[in-house]
Amino acid sequence: MSVLDFAPHTLDYLEVVPGHDDEETGDYIKGSEIWVEGYCKCDAVPAGKANTITTPDGQVEPYSYTIYNLPRTCRKFVYGERVRIRFFGHPEEVSEFTVKGFHRYQKQCKMWV
């Protein structure tokens, strides 16, 4: 008998540190980007070809996946951030997406990419 896994995939996100000026010398310090791997477990469901979402600036855009079962205490993802999904936790099955929507519910969070 098999056991159903409600969160079989792993979510990674790109953490961007912006560049800034050093307070002592005034030199510009270049920002950096680093992938935070294995942030949380999730479930990703393909959206189909006709699903759209209204973005914060009012445009209607199609989305590829709805990501369910994010922990209710996860960080807030904003429009335009980059995330990766490791399907079934396999490193060779990784897809990168742009966040198109995020909503926090009572027991879970949901994201559209």
Protein backbone atom coordinates (compact mmCIF):
# COMPACT_ATOMS: atom_id res chain seq x y z
CA MET A 1 0.00 0.00 0.00
CA SER A 2 1.37 3.40 -0.93
CA VAL A 3 1.26 6.57 1.11
CA LEU A 4 0.24 9.84 -0.56
CA ASP A 5 2.72 12.68 -0.07
CA PHE A 6 0.92 16.06 0.03
CA ALA A 7 4.22 17.97 -0.30
CA PRO A 8 6.49 15.96 -2.61
CA HIS A 9 8.44 18.89 -4.10
CA THR A 10 11.02 21.30 -2.68
CA LEU A 11 10.95 25.10 -3.12
CA ASP A 12 14.11 27.22 -3.51
CA TYR A 13 14.18 31.00 -3.83
CA LEU A 14 16.73 33.57 -4.99
CA GLU A 15 17.83 35.91 -2.22
CA VAL A 16 19.04 39.21 -3.66
CA VAL A 17 21.27 41.52 -1.60
CA PRO A 18 21.34 44.96 -3.25
CA GLY A 19 24.55 46.92 -3.71
CA HIS A 20 25.32 49.73 -1.28
CA ASP A 21 27.91 52.39 -0.39
CA ASP A 22 30.38 51.65 2.41
CA GLU A 23 29.78 54.17 5.23
CA GLU A 24 33.47 54.54 6.14
CA THR A 25 35.16 54.72 2.74
CA GLY A 26 32.26 55.65 0.48
CA ASP A 27 33.16 52.83 -1.91
CA TYR A 28 30.37 51.03 -3.71
CA ILE A 29 29.97 47.40 -2.66
CA LYS A 30 28.40 45.20 -5.31
CA GLY A 31 25.27 43.25 -4.36
CA SER A 32 24.94 39.50 -4.57
CA GLU A 33 22.46 36.80 -5.45
CA ILE A 34 22.35 33.41 -3.76
CA TRP A 35 19.87 30.55 -4.06
CA VAL A 36 18.37 29.42 -0.75
CA GLU A 37 17.98 25.72 -1.43
CA GLY A 38 15.53 23.39 0.27
CA TYR A 39 13.52 26.26 1.81
CA CYS A 40 10.33 24.25 2.28
CA LYS A 41 8.29 21.32 1.01
CA CYS A 42 5.34 22.05 -1.28
CA ASP A 43 2.95 20.67 -3.89
CA ALA A 44 2.98 22.06 -7.44
CA VAL A 45 -0.02 21.54 -9.71
CA PRO A 46 0.09 22.43 -13.43
CA ALA A 47 -2.31 25.24 -14.24
CA GLY A 48 -3.40 24.27 -17.73
CA LYS A 49 -3.43 26.55 -20.75
CA ALA A 50 -6.27 28.97 -19.95
CA ASN A 51 -5.55 30.01 -16.34
CA THR A 52 -4.67 33.65 -15.69
CA ILE A 53 -4.04 35.84 -12.66
CA THR A 54 -4.28 39.60 -12.18
CA THR A 55 -0.91 41.02 -11.11
CA PRO A 56 -0.49 43.90 -8.61
CA ASP A 57 -0.22 46.45 -11.44
CA GLY A 58 -3.53 45.30 -12.97
CA GLN A 59 -2.24 43.24 -15.89
CA VAL A 60 -3.67 39.80 -16.56
CA GLU A 61 -0.94 37.18 -17.05
CA PRO A 62 -1.02 33.43 -17.60
CA TYR A 63 0.63 31.23 -14.99
CA SER A 64 2.13 27.75 -15.24
CA TYR A 65 1.82 26.25 -11.76
CA THR A 66 -0.10 26.75 -8.54
CA ILE A 67 2.09 25.93 -5.56
CA TYR A 68 0.13 24.62 -2.56
CA ASN A 69 0.90 23.48 0.96
CA LEU A 70 3.52 26.12 1.70
CA PRO A 71 3.85 26.44 5.49
CA ARG A 72 1.64 29.15 6.94
CA THR A 73 4.73 30.68 8.59
CA CYS A 74 6.79 30.92 5.38
CA ARG A 75 8.22 34.24 4.22
CA LYS A 76 6.12 36.48 1.99
CA PHE A 77 6.96 36.17 -1.68
CA VAL A 78 6.43 39.25 -3.83
CA TYR A 79 5.58 39.68 -7.50
CA GLY A 80 8.63 39.24 -9.73
CA GLU A 81 10.79 37.15 -7.37
CA ARG A 82 12.48 34.10 -8.83
CA VAL A 83 11.86 30.65 -7.38
CA ARG A 84 12.84 27.10 -8.31
CA ILE A 85 10.90 23.91 -7.80
CA ARG A 86 12.78 20.64 -7.35
CA PHE A 87 10.19 18.13 -8.48
CA PHE A 88 10.07 15.17 -6.10
CA GLY A 89 13.32 16.43 -4.53
CA HIS A 90 15.46 15.33 -7.49
CA PRO A 91 18.30 17.76 -8.31
CA GLU A 92 18.05 17.00 -12.04
CA GLU A 93 14.35 17.90 -12.21
CA VAL A 94 14.56 21.63 -11.43
CA SER A 95 12.45 24.36 -13.05
CA GLU A 96 12.80 28.10 -12.48
CA PHE A 97 9.78 30.42 -12.35
CA THR A 98 8.79 34.03 -11.61
CA VAL A 99 6.26 34.68 -8.83
CA LYS A 100 3.00 36.09 -10.20
CA GLY A 101 0.93 35.90 -7.02
CA PHE A 102 1.11 34.92 -3.35
CA HIS A 103 -1.63 34.56 -0.75
CA ARG A 104 -1.50 33.57 2.91
CA TYR A 105 -4.44 31.53 4.18
CA GLN A 106 -5.29 30.33 7.68
CA LYS A 107 -3.58 26.92 7.41
CA GLN A 108 -1.30 27.27 4.37
CA CYS A 109 0.08 29.67 1.75
CA LYS A 110 -0.45 29.51 -1.99
CA MET A 111 1.72 30.87 -4.81
CA TRP A 112 1.18 31.23 -8.54
CA VAL A 113 4.22 31.05 -10.84
